[in-house]
Amino acid sequence: MEDRAMRALNQLGNKFFAMCFSWLLGQRLKDTLCGTKVLFRTDYQAIARNRSYFGDFDPFGDFDLLFGASKLNLKIIEVPVRYRNRSYGETKIHRFRHGLILLRMVFYAYRKMKSF
């Protein structure tokens, strides 16, 4: 990651959610929020068919794909990405508002996956 590619508070939040998702999924993840996900069409279709299990309120897509893949017992593999300084435009991430949405998703997933 280049210097100033991500604010310190965003880095802290990213690490926190990586720990939460890793615990909930039972698979170690380092960067759950990078926004890049790749899967086979058939796996995506299976996730889409089961979308109602976790609800359809994920504005980011990370929750839907990661937790959906876990529910189908798919192995999640991370491919590292490089974070670079923004050369133009403004970030669309609202740290606190989006952080609260992600926290809500974590609690929702906890109730579905860990709380019997």
C-alpha atoms as a PDB file:
ATOM      1  CA  MET A   1       0.000   0.000   0.000  1.00  0.00           C
ATOM      2  CA  GLU A   2       1.332   3.398  -0.933  1.00  0.00           C
ATOM      3  CA  ASP A   3       1.531   6.132   1.674  1.00  0.00           C
ATOM      4  CA  ARG A   4      -1.766   7.987   2.032  1.00  0.00           C
ATOM      5  CA  ALA A   5      -3.576   5.437  -0.141  1.00  0.00           C
ATOM      6  CA  MET A   6      -5.978   4.797   2.729  1.00  0.00           C
ATOM      7  CA  ARG A   7      -6.716   6.800   5.853  1.00  0.00           C
ATOM      8  CA  ALA A   8      -5.629   5.289   9.171  1.00  0.00           C
ATOM      9  CA  LEU A   9      -9.208   4.970  10.424  1.00  0.00           C
ATOM     10  CA  ASN A  10     -10.192   3.138   7.229  1.00  0.00           C
ATOM     11  CA  GLN A  11      -7.232   0.772   7.655  1.00  0.00           C
ATOM     12  CA  LEU A  12      -8.275   0.073  11.235  1.00  0.00           C
ATOM     13  CA  GLY A  13     -11.862  -0.583  10.149  1.00  0.00           C
ATOM     14  CA  ASN A  14     -10.690  -2.849   7.335  1.00  0.00           C
ATOM     15  CA  LYS A  15      -8.636  -4.930   9.793  1.00  0.00           C
ATOM     16  CA  PHE A  16     -11.499  -5.073  12.285  1.00  0.00           C
ATOM     17  CA  PHE A  17     -13.974  -6.319   9.677  1.00  0.00           C
ATOM     18  CA  ALA A  18     -11.425  -8.802   8.323  1.00  0.00           C
ATOM     19  CA  MET A  19     -11.155 -10.286  11.830  1.00  0.00           C
ATOM     20  CA  CYS A  20     -14.949 -10.389  12.232  1.00  0.00           C
ATOM     21  CA  PHE A  21     -15.540 -11.976   8.830  1.00  0.00           C
ATOM     22  CA  SER A  22     -12.700 -14.483   9.394  1.00  0.00           C
ATOM     23  CA  TRP A  23     -14.224 -15.593  12.687  1.00  0.00           C
ATOM     24  CA  LEU A  24     -17.745 -15.824  11.286  1.00  0.00           C
ATOM     25  CA  LEU A  25     -16.680 -17.655   8.124  1.00  0.00           C
ATOM     26  CA  GLY A  26     -14.116 -19.939   9.729  1.00  0.00           C
ATOM     27  CA  GLN A  27     -11.630 -18.924   7.010  1.00  0.00           C
ATOM     28  CA  ARG A  28      -8.789 -16.445   7.402  1.00  0.00           C
ATOM     29  CA  LEU A  29      -9.350 -13.296   5.374  1.00  0.00           C
ATOM     30  CA  LYS A  30      -7.133 -10.218   5.289  1.00  0.00           C
ATOM     31  CA  ASP A  31      -9.096  -7.772   3.151  1.00  0.00           C
ATOM     32  CA  THR A  32     -12.805  -8.438   2.909  1.00  0.00           C
ATOM     33  CA  LEU A  33     -13.681  -4.994   1.597  1.00  0.00           C
ATOM     34  CA  CYS A  34     -11.435  -4.563  -1.428  1.00  0.00           C
ATOM     35  CA  GLY A  35     -14.452  -4.803  -3.709  1.00  0.00           C
ATOM     36  CA  THR A  36     -13.031  -7.380  -6.111  1.00  0.00           C
ATOM     37  CA  LYS A  37     -14.645 -10.804  -6.044  1.00  0.00           C
ATOM     38  CA  VAL A  38     -14.342 -13.561  -8.648  1.00  0.00           C
ATOM     39  CA  LEU A  39     -16.393 -16.729  -8.797  1.00  0.00           C
ATOM     40  CA  PHE A  40     -17.802 -19.217 -11.203  1.00  0.00           C
ATOM     41  CA  ARG A  41     -21.176 -18.380 -12.743  1.00  0.00           C
ATOM     42  CA  THR A  42     -22.744 -21.526 -11.295  1.00  0.00           C
ATOM     43  CA  ASP A  43     -21.529 -20.596  -7.795  1.00  0.00           C
ATOM     44  CA  TYR A  44     -22.873 -17.068  -8.175  1.00  0.00           C
ATOM     45  CA  GLN A  45     -26.230 -18.438  -9.321  1.00  0.00           C
ATOM     46  CA  ALA A  46     -26.348 -20.713  -6.269  1.00  0.00           C
ATOM     47  CA  ILE A  47     -25.555 -17.741  -4.007  1.00  0.00           C
ATOM     48  CA  ALA A  48     -28.251 -15.689  -5.736  1.00  0.00           C
ATOM     49  CA  ARG A  49     -30.817 -18.473  -5.236  1.00  0.00           C
ATOM     50  CA  ASN A  50     -30.050 -18.495  -1.490  1.00  0.00           C
ATOM     51  CA  ARG A  51     -29.892 -14.704  -1.121  1.00  0.00           C
ATOM     52  CA  SER A  52     -33.021 -14.562   1.012  1.00  0.00           C
ATOM     53  CA  TYR A  53     -31.225 -16.506   3.784  1.00  0.00           C
ATOM     54  CA  PHE A  54     -29.037 -13.506   4.638  1.00  0.00           C
ATOM     55  CA  GLY A  55     -31.417 -10.853   3.379  1.00  0.00           C
ATOM     56  CA  ASP A  56     -31.038  -8.532   0.450  1.00  0.00           C
ATOM     57  CA  PHE A  57     -29.785  -5.364   2.116  1.00  0.00           C
ATOM     58  CA  ASP A  58     -26.092  -5.372   1.272  1.00  0.00           C
ATOM     59  CA  PRO A  59     -25.252  -2.168  -0.631  1.00  0.00           C
ATOM     60  CA  PHE A  60     -21.636  -3.285  -1.183  1.00  0.00           C
ATOM     61  CA  GLY A  61     -21.955  -6.905  -2.331  1.00  0.00           C
ATOM     62  CA  ASP A  62     -19.212  -8.171   0.006  1.00  0.00           C
ATOM     63  CA  PHE A  63     -21.626  -9.559   2.582  1.00  0.00           C
ATOM     64  CA  ASP A  64     -23.765 -11.270   0.000  1.00  0.00           C
ATOM     65  CA  LEU A  65     -20.876 -12.977  -1.787  1.00  0.00           C
ATOM     66  CA  LEU A  66     -18.634 -13.864   1.158  1.00  0.00           C
ATOM     67  CA  PHE A  67     -21.329 -15.176   3.472  1.00  0.00           C
ATOM     68  CA  GLY A  68     -23.214 -16.791   0.608  1.00  0.00           C
ATOM     69  CA  ALA A  69     -20.046 -18.615  -0.484  1.00  0.00           C
ATOM     70  CA  SER A  70     -19.409 -19.745   3.071  1.00  0.00           C
ATOM     71  CA  LYS A  71     -22.951 -21.075   3.449  1.00  0.00           C
ATOM     72  CA  LEU A  72     -22.377 -23.149   0.290  1.00  0.00           C
ATOM     73  CA  ASN A  73     -19.052 -24.425   1.754  1.00  0.00           C
ATOM     74  CA  LEU A  74     -17.022 -22.789  -1.002  1.00  0.00           C
ATOM     75  CA  LYS A  75     -13.374 -22.094  -0.266  1.00  0.00           C
ATOM     76  CA  ILE A  76     -12.537 -18.400  -0.362  1.00  0.00           C
ATOM     77  CA  ILE A  77      -9.100 -17.523  -1.727  1.00  0.00           C
ATOM     78  CA  GLU A  78      -7.697 -14.027  -1.579  1.00  0.00           C
ATOM     79  CA  VAL A  79      -5.595 -12.495  -4.298  1.00  0.00           C
ATOM     80  CA  PRO A  80      -3.659  -9.488  -2.994  1.00  0.00           C
ATOM     81  CA  VAL A  81      -4.434  -6.078  -4.454  1.00  0.00           C
ATOM     82  CA  ARG A  82      -2.297  -2.946  -4.418  1.00  0.00           C
ATOM     83  CA  TYR A  83      -3.701   0.193  -2.895  1.00  0.00           C
ATOM     84  CA  ARG A  84      -2.387   3.321  -4.573  1.00  0.00           C
ATOM     85  CA  ASN A  85      -2.883   6.994  -3.922  1.00  0.00           C
ATOM     86  CA  ARG A  86      -5.997   8.361  -5.601  1.00  0.00           C
ATOM     87  CA  SER A  87      -4.930  10.353  -8.640  1.00  0.00           C
ATOM     88  CA  TYR A  88      -8.340  11.913  -9.318  1.00  0.00           C
ATOM     89  CA  GLY A  89     -11.873  12.098  -7.940  1.00  0.00           C
ATOM     90  CA  GLU A  90     -13.181  11.694  -4.428  1.00  0.00           C
ATOM     91  CA  THR A  91     -13.735   8.556  -2.408  1.00  0.00           C
ATOM     92  CA  LYS A  92     -17.310   7.385  -2.148  1.00  0.00           C
ATOM     93  CA  ILE A  93     -16.696   5.686   1.188  1.00  0.00           C
ATOM     94  CA  HIS A  94     -18.397   7.284   4.185  1.00  0.00           C
ATOM     95  CA  ARG A  95     -16.410   5.844   7.069  1.00  0.00           C
ATOM     96  CA  PHE A  96     -18.988   6.062   9.831  1.00  0.00           C
ATOM     97  CA  ARG A  97     -22.207   5.550   7.870  1.00  0.00           C
ATOM     98  CA  HIS A  98     -20.811   2.614   5.890  1.00  0.00           C
ATOM     99  CA  GLY A  99     -19.018   1.270   8.961  1.00  0.00           C
ATOM    100  CA  LEU A 100     -22.347   1.082  10.801  1.00  0.00           C
ATOM    101  CA  ILE A 101     -23.912  -0.761   7.872  1.00  0.00           C
ATOM    102  CA  LEU A 102     -21.050  -3.268   7.894  1.00  0.00           C
ATOM    103  CA  LEU A 103     -21.361  -3.698  11.651  1.00  0.00           C
ATOM    104  CA  ARG A 104     -25.077  -4.406  11.210  1.00  0.00           C
ATOM    105  CA  MET A 105     -24.184  -7.058   8.622  1.00  0.00           C
ATOM    106  CA  VAL A 106     -21.736  -8.689  11.027  1.00  0.00           C
ATOM    107  CA  PHE A 107     -24.386  -8.923  13.762  1.00  0.00           C
ATOM    108  CA  TYR A 108     -26.938 -10.247  11.299  1.00  0.00           C
ATOM    109  CA  ALA A 109     -24.492 -12.911  10.085  1.00  0.00           C
ATOM    110  CA  TYR A 110     -23.632 -13.806  13.683  1.00  0.00           C
ATOM    111  CA  ARG A 111     -27.291 -14.507  14.400  1.00  0.00           C
ATOM    112  CA  LYS A 112     -27.571 -16.639  11.247  1.00  0.00           C
ATOM    113  CA  MET A 113     -24.274 -18.526  11.454  1.00  0.00           C
ATOM    114  CA  LYS A 114     -23.056 -18.682  15.050  1.00  0.00           C
ATOM    115  CA  SER A 115     -26.052 -18.129  17.303  1.00  0.00           C
ATOM    116  CA  PHE A 116     -27.981 -21.360  17.436  1.00  0.00           C
END
